[in-house]
Amino acid sequence: MTLAASTYLEHLKAYINSEYVVHDGAEGKIILTEKYFRPEDTKPQVRNIELLLPGEGIAFKLDKDDFETDKKKKKKGEPEKPSKPPLFHFLDDTAKQWSKRCDFVIFYVKGQKFCADCIEFKSKSLTAEKIVPQLRAGMCWVQSLKRTIEIYTGDKRKIHLRKFVFAENDQPDAYLEANRQLRADPSIRYYHFDEVHGQALADLQNTSVQEI
């Protein structure tokens, strides 16, 4: 049964694993939180990016980690390394296509549309091998989630999907087309962290919108 966008979101909230929810869309915004290391760090830093929603929404952190210390593998003086549970626990995750993932997926309602934005956080590197596979995997995850729900429950809804990379590269032109889409994959739009923090998510520009 095809559901209204707002109804589909409520059904999605009832089905999902809450451990992967990074923000529930309260107060009309999403806050994306990521721990990261700089070369000089011994402890993780925290980055928070706030995005305003046009309606109800929810954010998943697919690249989920808890920065647990593996005492058996960690050498003295080395920084803590994140552990990453598999997205599909019934499949082998070692070096498989589905082991890749983007950092975040935000589902939200925009008028009559149901939208999904896949977002990858990077420091300064905008090389294709660090971005394109992760965002493609994020899109595949959205497709898998949609089909799984449809097969088991009958709930249907078209999803309008966009892909973004947010980074702190101040000279990204070599990696971008004139419209700031990634040269390596024109479906991906680049934004600097400072450009997007506090902005309306639906107002972010991307010339490529894929229907799933």
N, C-alpha and C. Protein backbone atom coordinates (compact mmCIF):
# COMPACT_ATOMS: atom_id res chain seq x y z
N MET A 1 0.85 -1.19 0.00
CA MET A 1 0.00 0.00 0.00
C MET A 1 0.89 1.25 0.00
N THR A 2 0.63 2.16 -0.93
CA THR A 2 1.38 3.41 -0.99
C THR A 2 0.89 4.35 0.11
N LEU A 3 1.83 4.82 0.93
CA LEU A 3 1.51 5.66 2.07
C LEU A 3 1.87 7.11 1.82
N ALA A 4 1.19 8.01 2.50
CA ALA A 4 1.57 9.42 2.47
C ALA A 4 2.96 9.56 3.08
N ALA A 5 3.67 10.61 2.70
CA ALA A 5 5.05 10.78 3.14
C ALA A 5 5.18 10.78 4.66
N SER A 6 4.32 11.53 5.34
CA SER A 6 4.39 11.60 6.80
C SER A 6 4.05 10.26 7.45
N THR A 7 3.12 9.54 6.87
CA THR A 7 2.75 8.22 7.41
C THR A 7 3.89 7.23 7.21
N TYR A 8 4.52 7.30 6.04
CA TYR A 8 5.64 6.39 5.77
C TYR A 8 6.77 6.62 6.77
N LEU A 9 7.04 7.88 7.10
CA LEU A 9 8.08 8.17 8.09
C LEU A 9 7.74 7.59 9.45
N GLU A 10 6.48 7.69 9.85
CA GLU A 10 6.08 7.12 11.14
C GLU A 10 6.23 5.60 11.14
N HIS A 11 5.89 4.96 10.04
CA HIS A 11 6.09 3.52 9.93
C HIS A 11 7.58 3.17 9.98
N LEU A 12 8.39 3.97 9.29
CA LEU A 12 9.83 3.74 9.29
C LEU A 12 10.40 3.82 10.71
N LYS A 13 9.95 4.80 11.47
CA LYS A 13 10.42 4.95 12.85
C LYS A 13 10.08 3.72 13.69
N ALA A 14 8.94 3.11 13.38
CA ALA A 14 8.51 1.94 14.15
C ALA A 14 9.33 0.71 13.80
N TYR A 15 9.92 0.68 12.60
CA TYR A 15 10.62 -0.52 12.14
C TYR A 15 12.12 -0.50 12.41
N ILE A 16 12.72 0.69 12.53
CA ILE A 16 14.18 0.79 12.51
C ILE A 16 14.82 0.42 13.85
N ASN A 17 16.10 0.09 13.78
CA ASN A 17 16.91 -0.17 14.96
C ASN A 17 17.38 1.17 15.53
N SER A 18 16.93 1.51 16.71
CA SER A 18 17.21 2.83 17.29
C SER A 18 18.69 3.06 17.57
N GLU A 19 19.48 1.98 17.60
CA GLU A 19 20.91 2.13 17.86
C GLU A 19 21.62 2.91 16.76
N TYR A 20 21.03 2.93 15.56
CA TYR A 20 21.64 3.65 14.46
C TYR A 20 21.09 5.08 14.30
N VAL A 21 20.15 5.48 15.13
CA VAL A 21 19.58 6.82 15.05
C VAL A 21 20.50 7.80 15.77
N VAL A 22 20.99 8.80 15.05
CA VAL A 22 21.87 9.80 15.66
C VAL A 22 21.08 11.02 16.11
N HIS A 23 19.90 11.27 15.49
CA HIS A 23 19.05 12.38 15.92
C HIS A 23 17.63 12.14 15.43
N ASP A 24 16.66 12.49 16.28
CA ASP A 24 15.26 12.17 15.98
C ASP A 24 14.48 13.30 15.33
N GLY A 25 15.15 14.37 14.95
CA GLY A 25 14.47 15.46 14.27
C GLY A 25 13.67 16.37 15.17
N ALA A 26 13.91 16.28 16.48
CA ALA A 26 13.18 17.13 17.43
C ALA A 26 13.50 18.61 17.18
N GLU A 27 12.51 19.46 17.42
CA GLU A 27 12.63 20.91 17.30
C GLU A 27 12.93 21.35 15.87
N GLY A 28 12.54 20.52 14.89
CA GLY A 28 12.66 20.92 13.50
C GLY A 28 14.07 20.96 12.96
N LYS A 29 14.96 20.18 13.55
CA LYS A 29 16.34 20.17 13.06
C LYS A 29 16.97 18.81 13.29
N ILE A 30 18.07 18.59 12.59
CA ILE A 30 18.87 17.39 12.73
C ILE A 30 20.28 17.83 13.13
N ILE A 31 20.87 17.14 14.08
CA ILE A 31 22.26 17.40 14.45
C ILE A 31 23.07 16.15 14.14
N LEU A 32 24.02 16.30 13.23
CA LEU A 32 24.89 15.20 12.84
C LEU A 32 26.17 15.28 13.66
N THR A 33 26.46 14.22 14.41
CA THR A 33 27.60 14.20 15.31
C THR A 33 28.59 13.14 14.86
N GLU A 34 29.86 13.55 14.77
CA GLU A 34 30.89 12.61 14.35
C GLU A 34 32.14 12.79 15.22
N LYS A 35 32.70 11.66 15.63
CA LYS A 35 34.01 11.67 16.27
C LYS A 35 35.06 11.47 15.20
N TYR A 36 36.18 12.19 15.32
CA TYR A 36 37.23 12.07 14.33
C TYR A 36 38.59 12.36 14.97
N PHE A 37 39.61 11.92 14.29
CA PHE A 37 40.98 12.14 14.75
C PHE A 37 41.73 13.06 13.80
N ARG A 38 42.51 13.98 14.35
CA ARG A 38 43.52 14.69 13.60
C ARG A 38 44.86 14.01 13.87
N PRO A 39 45.86 14.19 13.01
CA PRO A 39 47.13 13.49 13.19
C PRO A 39 47.76 13.70 14.56
N GLU A 40 47.55 14.88 15.12
CA GLU A 40 48.18 15.19 16.41
C GLU A 40 47.36 14.75 17.62
N ASP A 41 46.17 14.18 17.40
CA ASP A 41 45.27 13.85 18.49
C ASP A 41 45.56 12.47 19.10
N THR A 42 45.40 12.38 20.40
CA THR A 42 45.40 11.09 21.08
C THR A 42 44.00 10.70 21.53
N LYS A 43 43.09 11.67 21.51
CA LYS A 43 41.69 11.41 21.84
C LYS A 43 40.82 11.96 20.71
N PRO A 44 39.65 11.36 20.47
CA PRO A 44 38.81 11.83 19.37
C PRO A 44 38.24 13.22 19.60
N GLN A 45 38.13 13.99 18.53
CA GLN A 45 37.45 15.27 18.52
C GLN A 45 35.98 15.02 18.12
N VAL A 46 35.13 15.99 18.39
CA VAL A 46 33.71 15.84 18.06
C VAL A 46 33.28 17.00 17.16
N ARG A 47 32.63 16.66 16.07
CA ARG A 47 32.08 17.66 15.15
C ARG A 47 30.57 17.55 15.14
N ASN A 48 29.88 18.68 15.29
CA ASN A 48 28.42 18.73 15.24
C ASN A 48 27.99 19.66 14.11
N ILE A 49 27.16 19.15 13.21
CA ILE A 49 26.61 19.96 12.13
C ILE A 49 25.09 19.96 12.28
N GLU A 50 24.53 21.16 12.40
CA GLU A 50 23.08 21.32 12.57
C GLU A 50 22.43 21.69 11.24
N LEU A 51 21.36 20.99 10.90
CA LEU A 51 20.62 21.24 9.66
C LEU A 51 19.14 21.37 9.98
N LEU A 52 18.49 22.39 9.45
CA LEU A 52 17.07 22.62 9.69
C LEU A 52 16.23 21.78 8.74
N LEU A 53 15.14 21.24 9.24
CA LEU A 53 14.27 20.37 8.45
C LEU A 53 13.05 21.12 7.95
N PRO A 54 12.53 20.74 6.76
CA PRO A 54 11.30 21.35 6.27
C PRO A 54 10.05 20.72 6.89
N GLY A 55 10.21 19.60 7.56
CA GLY A 55 9.11 18.88 8.20
C GLY A 55 9.68 17.86 9.15
N GLU A 56 8.95 16.78 9.38
CA GLU A 56 9.47 15.73 10.25
C GLU A 56 10.66 15.03 9.60
N GLY A 57 11.54 14.50 10.44
CA GLY A 57 12.70 13.81 9.90
C GLY A 57 13.41 12.98 10.95
N ILE A 58 14.37 12.21 10.50
CA ILE A 58 15.17 11.36 11.38
C ILE A 58 16.50 11.09 10.70
N ALA A 59 17.57 11.02 11.48
CA ALA A 59 18.91 10.83 10.91
C ALA A 59 19.54 9.55 11.43
N PHE A 60 20.10 8.78 10.50
CA PHE A 60 20.84 7.56 10.82
C PHE A 60 22.33 7.82 10.69
N LYS A 61 23.11 7.21 11.55
CA LYS A 61 24.56 7.19 11.39
C LYS A 61 24.94 5.78 10.98
N LEU A 62 25.17 5.58 9.68
CA LEU A 62 25.50 4.26 9.18
C LEU A 62 26.94 3.88 9.52
N ASP A 63 27.84 4.86 9.47
CA ASP A 63 29.23 4.59 9.80
C ASP A 63 29.38 4.63 11.31
N LYS A 64 28.63 3.76 11.95
CA LYS A 64 28.50 3.77 13.41
C LYS A 64 29.76 3.18 14.05
N ASP A 65 30.26 3.89 15.05
CA ASP A 65 31.39 3.38 15.82
C ASP A 65 31.26 3.90 17.25
N ASP A 66 31.93 3.25 18.13
CA ASP A 66 31.87 3.67 19.53
C ASP A 66 33.25 3.94 20.10
N PHE A 67 34.26 3.96 19.25
CA PHE A 67 35.63 4.24 19.67
C PHE A 67 36.02 3.40 20.87
N GLU A 68 35.55 2.14 20.86
CA GLU A 68 35.99 1.24 21.91
C GLU A 68 37.45 0.87 21.70
N THR A 69 38.18 0.71 22.78
CA THR A 69 39.58 0.34 22.68
C THR A 69 39.72 -1.17 22.65
N ASP A 70 40.38 -1.66 21.63
CA ASP A 70 40.68 -3.08 21.55
C ASP A 70 42.04 -3.28 22.24
N LYS A 71 42.00 -3.69 23.49
CA LYS A 71 43.22 -3.75 24.28
C LYS A 71 44.21 -4.79 23.77
N LYS A 72 43.71 -5.80 23.07
CA LYS A 72 44.60 -6.83 22.57
C LYS A 72 45.40 -6.35 21.36
N LYS A 73 44.81 -5.45 20.56
CA LYS A 73 45.46 -5.00 19.34
C LYS A 73 46.11 -3.63 19.49
N LYS A 74 45.64 -2.85 20.44
CA LYS A 74 46.13 -1.49 20.60
C LYS A 74 47.53 -1.49 21.21
N LYS A 75 48.46 -0.83 20.54
CA LYS A 75 49.80 -0.71 21.06
C LYS A 75 49.91 0.56 21.91
N LYS A 76 50.83 0.54 22.83
CA LYS A 76 51.00 1.67 23.72
C LYS A 76 51.28 2.95 22.93
N GLY A 77 50.56 4.00 23.27
CA GLY A 77 50.75 5.28 22.61
C GLY A 77 49.92 5.49 21.37
N GLU A 78 49.29 4.43 20.83
CA GLU A 78 48.45 4.57 19.65
C GLU A 78 47.08 5.11 20.04
N PRO A 79 46.44 5.93 19.17
CA PRO A 79 45.08 6.40 19.48
C PRO A 79 44.08 5.27 19.41
N GLU A 80 42.96 5.45 20.09
CA GLU A 80 41.90 4.46 20.05
C GLU A 80 41.33 4.38 18.64
N LYS A 81 40.99 3.17 18.21
CA LYS A 81 40.42 2.96 16.89
C LYS A 81 38.96 2.53 17.02
N PRO A 82 38.10 3.04 16.12
CA PRO A 82 36.68 2.72 16.22
C PRO A 82 36.39 1.28 15.81
N SER A 83 35.40 0.70 16.47
CA SER A 83 34.89 -0.59 16.02
C SER A 83 33.62 -0.33 15.22
N LYS A 84 33.36 -1.16 14.21
CA LYS A 84 32.25 -0.90 13.30
C LYS A 84 31.41 -2.16 13.15
N PRO A 85 30.23 -2.21 13.74
CA PRO A 85 29.37 -3.39 13.57
C PRO A 85 28.82 -3.47 12.16
N PRO A 86 28.51 -4.67 11.66
CA PRO A 86 27.98 -4.81 10.31
C PRO A 86 26.57 -4.26 10.19
N LEU A 87 26.25 -3.74 9.00
CA LEU A 87 24.89 -3.25 8.75
C LEU A 87 23.91 -4.41 8.60
N PHE A 88 24.37 -5.49 7.98
CA PHE A 88 23.52 -6.65 7.74
C PHE A 88 24.13 -7.82 8.50
N HIS A 89 23.62 -8.10 9.68
CA HIS A 89 24.25 -9.05 10.59
C HIS A 89 24.20 -10.48 10.08
N PHE A 90 23.35 -10.75 9.09
CA PHE A 90 23.23 -12.11 8.55
C PHE A 90 24.16 -12.33 7.37
N LEU A 91 24.94 -11.31 6.98
CA LEU A 91 25.88 -11.43 5.87
C LEU A 91 27.31 -11.23 6.39
N ASP A 92 28.26 -11.93 5.78
CA ASP A 92 29.66 -11.73 6.11
C ASP A 92 30.06 -10.31 5.70
N ASP A 93 30.69 -9.59 6.60
CA ASP A 93 30.99 -8.17 6.39
C ASP A 93 32.42 -7.92 5.92
N THR A 94 33.24 -8.95 5.87
CA THR A 94 34.66 -8.77 5.60
C THR A 94 34.92 -8.49 4.12
N ALA A 95 35.34 -7.26 3.81
CA ALA A 95 35.72 -6.86 2.45
C ALA A 95 34.61 -7.08 1.43
N LYS A 96 33.36 -7.00 1.87
CA LYS A 96 32.23 -7.16 0.95
C LYS A 96 31.68 -5.79 0.55
N GLN A 97 30.91 -5.79 -0.55
CA GLN A 97 30.35 -4.52 -1.04
C GLN A 97 29.51 -3.83 0.03
N TRP A 98 28.75 -4.59 0.79
CA TRP A 98 27.85 -4.01 1.79
C TRP A 98 28.57 -3.59 3.07
N SER A 99 29.89 -3.85 3.16
CA SER A 99 30.63 -3.36 4.32
C SER A 99 30.92 -1.87 4.19
N LYS A 100 30.86 -1.34 2.96
CA LYS A 100 31.04 0.09 2.76
C LYS A 100 29.77 0.81 3.17
N ARG A 101 29.90 2.05 3.57
CA ARG A 101 28.74 2.83 3.98
C ARG A 101 29.11 4.31 4.03
N CYS A 102 28.14 5.17 3.85
CA CYS A 102 28.38 6.59 4.06
C CYS A 102 28.17 6.91 5.54
N ASP A 103 28.51 8.12 5.93
CA ASP A 103 28.41 8.46 7.34
C ASP A 103 26.97 8.58 7.82
N PHE A 104 26.13 9.31 7.06
CA PHE A 104 24.78 9.61 7.53
C PHE A 104 23.75 9.45 6.41
N VAL A 105 22.54 9.10 6.81
CA VAL A 105 21.38 9.18 5.93
C VAL A 105 20.27 9.88 6.71
N ILE A 106 19.73 10.95 6.12
CA ILE A 106 18.63 11.69 6.73
C ILE A 106 17.38 11.46 5.92
N PHE A 107 16.33 10.97 6.57
CA PHE A 107 15.01 10.84 5.96
C PHE A 107 14.15 12.01 6.45
N TYR A 108 13.40 12.64 5.54
CA TYR A 108 12.56 13.75 5.97
C TYR A 108 11.41 13.96 4.99
N VAL A 109 10.40 14.64 5.49
CA VAL A 109 9.21 14.94 4.71
C VAL A 109 9.30 16.39 4.20
N LYS A 110 9.11 16.55 2.90
CA LYS A 110 9.13 17.88 2.28
C LYS A 110 7.85 18.03 1.48
N GLY A 111 6.83 18.62 2.09
CA GLY A 111 5.54 18.71 1.43
C GLY A 111 4.95 17.32 1.23
N GLN A 112 4.70 16.96 -0.02
CA GLN A 112 4.17 15.64 -0.34
C GLN A 112 5.28 14.63 -0.66
N LYS A 113 6.53 15.08 -0.62
CA LYS A 113 7.65 14.21 -0.97
C LYS A 113 8.28 13.57 0.26
N PHE A 114 8.77 12.35 0.06
CA PHE A 114 9.58 11.69 1.08
C PHE A 114 11.02 11.66 0.57
N CYS A 115 11.92 12.25 1.32
CA CYS A 115 13.28 12.49 0.85
C CYS A 115 14.32 11.76 1.70
N ALA A 116 15.45 11.48 1.06
CA ALA A 116 16.59 10.91 1.77
C ALA A 116 17.85 11.59 1.25
N ASP A 117 18.67 12.09 2.15
CA ASP A 117 19.95 12.68 1.80
C ASP A 117 21.06 11.83 2.41
N CYS A 118 21.95 11.32 1.56
CA CYS A 118 23.13 10.57 2.00
C CYS A 118 24.29 11.56 2.12
N ILE A 119 24.97 11.55 3.25
CA ILE A 119 26.00 12.55 3.51
C ILE A 119 27.27 11.86 4.00
N GLU A 120 28.39 12.27 3.41
CA GLU A 120 29.70 11.78 3.82
C GLU A 120 30.50 12.95 4.39
N PHE A 121 31.09 12.76 5.57
CA PHE A 121 31.96 13.76 6.16
C PHE A 121 33.41 13.42 5.80
N LYS A 122 34.18 14.43 5.38
CA LYS A 122 35.60 14.27 5.13
C LYS A 122 36.36 15.44 5.76
N SER A 123 37.65 15.24 5.95
CA SER A 123 38.46 16.35 6.46
C SER A 123 38.78 17.26 5.27
N LYS A 124 39.87 16.98 4.56
CA LYS A 124 40.23 17.80 3.41
C LYS A 124 40.25 17.01 2.10
N SER A 125 40.43 15.71 2.19
CA SER A 125 40.56 14.91 0.98
C SER A 125 39.22 14.78 0.25
N LEU A 126 39.25 15.02 -1.06
CA LEU A 126 38.06 14.86 -1.89
C LEU A 126 38.32 13.86 -3.02
N THR A 127 39.27 12.96 -2.82
CA THR A 127 39.57 11.96 -3.84
C THR A 127 38.41 10.99 -3.99
N ALA A 128 38.21 10.54 -5.23
CA ALA A 128 37.03 9.74 -5.56
C ALA A 128 36.95 8.45 -4.76
N GLU A 129 38.09 7.78 -4.56
CA GLU A 129 38.06 6.48 -3.89
C GLU A 129 37.68 6.59 -2.42
N LYS A 130 37.72 7.79 -1.87
CA LYS A 130 37.34 7.99 -0.48
C LYS A 130 35.89 8.40 -0.31
N ILE A 131 35.22 8.73 -1.42
CA ILE A 131 33.88 9.31 -1.32
C ILE A 131 32.84 8.54 -2.13
N VAL A 132 33.13 8.31 -3.41
CA VAL A 132 32.14 7.74 -4.32
C VAL A 132 31.61 6.38 -3.84
N PRO A 133 32.47 5.42 -3.44
CA PRO A 133 31.95 4.13 -3.00
C PRO A 133 31.07 4.21 -1.76
N GLN A 134 31.46 5.09 -0.82
CA GLN A 134 30.67 5.21 0.41
C GLN A 134 29.27 5.75 0.14
N LEU A 135 29.18 6.77 -0.71
CA LEU A 135 27.87 7.35 -0.99
C LEU A 135 27.02 6.45 -1.87
N ARG A 136 27.65 5.73 -2.77
CA ARG A 136 26.89 4.73 -3.53
C ARG A 136 26.35 3.66 -2.59
N ALA A 137 27.17 3.24 -1.63
CA ALA A 137 26.73 2.24 -0.66
C ALA A 137 25.59 2.78 0.21
N GLY A 138 25.62 4.07 0.51
CA GLY A 138 24.52 4.67 1.26
C GLY A 138 23.22 4.61 0.48
N MET A 139 23.30 4.90 -0.82
CA MET A 139 22.11 4.79 -1.67
C MET A 139 21.61 3.35 -1.72
N CYS A 140 22.54 2.39 -1.82
CA CYS A 140 22.15 0.98 -1.85
C CYS A 140 21.46 0.58 -0.55
N TRP A 141 21.93 1.14 0.57
CA TRP A 141 21.31 0.83 1.86
C TRP A 141 19.88 1.35 1.90
N VAL A 142 19.66 2.56 1.37
CA VAL A 142 18.30 3.12 1.33
C VAL A 142 17.41 2.23 0.47
N GLN A 143 17.93 1.79 -0.68
CA GLN A 143 17.16 0.89 -1.54
C GLN A 143 16.85 -0.43 -0.82
N SER A 144 17.82 -0.96 -0.11
CA SER A 144 17.62 -2.23 0.62
C SER A 144 16.59 -2.07 1.72
N LEU A 145 16.68 -0.98 2.46
CA LEU A 145 15.72 -0.71 3.53
C LEU A 145 14.31 -0.58 2.97
N LYS A 146 14.18 0.18 1.89
CA LYS A 146 12.87 0.40 1.27
C LYS A 146 12.26 -0.92 0.81
N ARG A 147 13.06 -1.75 0.13
CA ARG A 147 12.56 -3.02 -0.39
C ARG A 147 12.24 -4.00 0.74
N THR A 148 13.06 -4.02 1.79
CA THR A 148 12.80 -4.92 2.92
C THR A 148 11.47 -4.58 3.57
N ILE A 149 11.24 -3.30 3.82
CA ILE A 149 9.97 -2.87 4.43
C ILE A 149 8.80 -3.21 3.51
N GLU A 150 8.98 -2.98 2.22
CA GLU A 150 7.90 -3.24 1.26
C GLU A 150 7.57 -4.73 1.20
N ILE A 151 8.60 -5.57 1.19
CA ILE A 151 8.39 -7.02 1.08
C ILE A 151 7.69 -7.56 2.32
N TYR A 152 8.12 -7.11 3.50
CA TYR A 152 7.57 -7.66 4.73
C TYR A 152 6.24 -7.04 5.15
N THR A 153 6.03 -5.75 4.84
CA THR A 153 4.84 -5.07 5.36
C THR A 153 3.88 -4.61 4.28
N GLY A 154 4.35 -4.47 3.04
CA GLY A 154 3.50 -3.93 1.99
C GLY A 154 3.53 -2.41 1.91
N ASP A 155 4.22 -1.74 2.87
CA ASP A 155 4.31 -0.28 2.85
C ASP A 155 5.17 0.17 1.67
N LYS A 156 4.64 1.12 0.88
CA LYS A 156 5.36 1.61 -0.29
C LYS A 156 5.44 3.13 -0.26
N ARG A 157 6.54 3.65 -0.82
CA ARG A 157 6.67 5.09 -0.96
C ARG A 157 7.86 5.40 -1.86
N LYS A 158 7.69 6.30 -2.84
CA LYS A 158 8.81 6.75 -3.65
C LYS A 158 9.73 7.63 -2.79
N ILE A 159 11.04 7.43 -2.93
CA ILE A 159 12.01 8.20 -2.16
C ILE A 159 12.84 9.04 -3.13
N HIS A 160 12.97 10.34 -2.83
CA HIS A 160 13.79 11.25 -3.61
C HIS A 160 15.14 11.39 -2.90
N LEU A 161 16.19 10.89 -3.53
CA LEU A 161 17.49 10.77 -2.86
C LEU A 161 18.54 11.68 -3.48
N ARG A 162 19.33 12.32 -2.58
CA ARG A 162 20.47 13.15 -2.99
C ARG A 162 21.71 12.69 -2.24
N LYS A 163 22.89 13.00 -2.82
CA LYS A 163 24.15 12.62 -2.20
C LYS A 163 25.04 13.86 -2.02
N PHE A 164 25.64 13.98 -0.83
CA PHE A 164 26.48 15.13 -0.50
C PHE A 164 27.77 14.68 0.16
N VAL A 165 28.82 15.47 -0.04
CA VAL A 165 30.02 15.34 0.77
C VAL A 165 30.27 16.69 1.43
N PHE A 166 30.43 16.68 2.76
CA PHE A 166 30.78 17.87 3.52
C PHE A 166 32.24 17.71 3.96
N ALA A 167 33.04 18.77 3.78
CA ALA A 167 34.45 18.69 4.14
C ALA A 167 34.94 20.08 4.54
N GLU A 168 36.22 20.17 4.91
CA GLU A 168 36.81 21.45 5.27
C GLU A 168 37.90 21.86 4.30
N ASN A 169 37.80 21.37 3.07
CA ASN A 169 38.75 21.72 2.02
C ASN A 169 38.44 23.12 1.50
N ASP A 170 39.39 24.05 1.65
CA ASP A 170 39.18 25.43 1.23
C ASP A 170 39.53 25.68 -0.23
N GLN A 171 40.13 24.69 -0.89
CA GLN A 171 40.49 24.82 -2.31
C GLN A 171 40.05 23.56 -3.07
N PRO A 172 38.74 23.36 -3.18
CA PRO A 172 38.23 22.11 -3.75
C PRO A 172 38.07 22.11 -5.27
N ASP A 173 38.40 23.22 -5.95
CA ASP A 173 38.05 23.39 -7.36
C ASP A 173 38.57 22.28 -8.25
N ALA A 174 39.74 21.73 -7.95
CA ALA A 174 40.32 20.69 -8.79
C ALA A 174 39.46 19.43 -8.82
N TYR A 175 38.62 19.26 -7.81
CA TYR A 175 37.79 18.06 -7.69
C TYR A 175 36.36 18.30 -8.15
N LEU A 176 36.01 19.57 -8.50
CA LEU A 176 34.62 19.91 -8.73
C LEU A 176 34.36 20.43 -10.12
N GLU A 177 33.13 20.20 -10.62
CA GLU A 177 32.65 20.84 -11.83
C GLU A 177 32.25 22.28 -11.48
N ALA A 178 31.87 23.05 -12.49
CA ALA A 178 31.52 24.45 -12.26
C ALA A 178 30.33 24.60 -11.32
N ASN A 179 29.43 23.61 -11.30
CA ASN A 179 28.25 23.68 -10.43
C ASN A 179 28.50 23.04 -9.06
N ARG A 180 29.79 22.76 -8.74
CA ARG A 180 30.24 22.23 -7.46
C ARG A 180 29.79 20.78 -7.22
N GLN A 181 29.41 20.11 -8.31
CA GLN A 181 29.22 18.66 -8.24
C GLN A 181 30.60 18.01 -8.41
N LEU A 182 30.78 16.85 -7.81
CA LEU A 182 32.07 16.17 -7.86
C LEU A 182 32.38 15.71 -9.29
N ARG A 183 33.60 15.97 -9.76
CA ARG A 183 33.99 15.54 -11.10
C ARG A 183 33.91 14.01 -11.23
N ALA A 184 34.31 13.30 -10.19
CA ALA A 184 34.35 11.84 -10.23
C ALA A 184 32.96 11.22 -10.24
N ASP A 185 31.98 11.94 -9.74
CA ASP A 185 30.60 11.45 -9.71
C ASP A 185 29.68 12.67 -9.64
N PRO A 186 29.10 13.10 -10.77
CA PRO A 186 28.29 14.33 -10.80
C PRO A 186 26.99 14.26 -10.02
N SER A 187 26.69 13.11 -9.41
CA SER A 187 25.51 13.04 -8.55
C SER A 187 25.81 13.53 -7.14
N ILE A 188 27.09 13.81 -6.84
CA ILE A 188 27.50 14.19 -5.49
C ILE A 188 27.81 15.68 -5.46
N ARG A 189 27.22 16.39 -4.50
CA ARG A 189 27.42 17.84 -4.34
C ARG A 189 28.32 18.10 -3.14
N TYR A 190 29.31 19.00 -3.34
CA TYR A 190 30.25 19.36 -2.28
C TYR A 190 29.79 20.62 -1.54
N TYR A 191 29.93 20.58 -0.21
CA TYR A 191 29.77 21.77 0.62
C TYR A 191 30.85 21.79 1.70
N HIS A 192 31.33 22.98 2.01
CA HIS A 192 32.22 23.15 3.16
C HIS A 192 31.38 23.08 4.43
N PHE A 193 31.93 22.54 5.50
CA PHE A 193 31.20 22.46 6.77
C PHE A 193 30.62 23.81 7.18
N ASP A 194 31.39 24.87 6.99
CA ASP A 194 30.94 26.20 7.41
C ASP A 194 29.74 26.68 6.60
N GLU A 195 29.61 26.20 5.36
CA GLU A 195 28.50 26.61 4.50
C GLU A 195 27.18 26.00 4.93
N VAL A 196 27.22 24.80 5.50
CA VAL A 196 25.98 24.08 5.76
C VAL A 196 25.50 24.17 7.21
N HIS A 197 26.41 24.42 8.14
CA HIS A 197 26.01 24.42 9.55
C HIS A 197 24.94 25.49 9.81
N GLY A 198 23.81 25.05 10.33
CA GLY A 198 22.71 25.96 10.65
C GLY A 198 21.79 26.27 9.49
N GLN A 199 22.04 25.67 8.32
CA GLN A 199 21.24 25.95 7.14
C GLN A 199 20.07 24.97 7.00
N ALA A 200 19.11 25.34 6.15
CA ALA A 200 17.96 24.48 5.87
C ALA A 200 18.39 23.36 4.94
N LEU A 201 18.17 22.13 5.34
CA LEU A 201 18.59 20.98 4.56
C LEU A 201 17.97 20.99 3.16
N ALA A 202 16.70 21.28 3.07
CA ALA A 202 16.00 21.25 1.78
C ALA A 202 16.50 22.32 0.83
N ASP A 203 17.16 23.37 1.34
CA ASP A 203 17.66 24.45 0.49
C ASP A 203 19.04 24.15 -0.09
N LEU A 204 19.70 23.10 0.39
CA LEU A 204 21.00 22.75 -0.17
C LEU A 204 20.81 22.33 -1.63
N GLN A 205 21.73 22.77 -2.47
CA GLN A 205 21.60 22.55 -3.90
C GLN A 205 22.28 21.25 -4.34
N ASN A 206 21.62 20.54 -5.23
CA ASN A 206 22.20 19.36 -5.88
C ASN A 206 21.46 19.17 -7.20
N THR A 207 22.20 19.18 -8.29
CA THR A 207 21.56 19.05 -9.60
C THR A 207 21.07 17.64 -9.88
N SER A 208 21.47 16.69 -9.04
CA SER A 208 21.09 15.30 -9.25
C SER A 208 20.18 14.82 -8.13
N VAL A 209 18.96 14.44 -8.46
CA VAL A 209 18.03 13.84 -7.52
C VAL A 209 17.58 12.50 -8.11
N GLN A 210 17.82 11.44 -7.39
CA GLN A 210 17.49 10.09 -7.89
C GLN A 210 16.22 9.59 -7.22
N GLU A 211 15.34 9.02 -8.00
CA GLU A 211 14.10 8.46 -7.47
C GLU A 211 14.27 6.96 -7.22
N ILE A 212 13.93 6.55 -6.03
CA ILE A 212 14.07 5.14 -5.64
C ILE A 212 12.69 4.57 -5.37
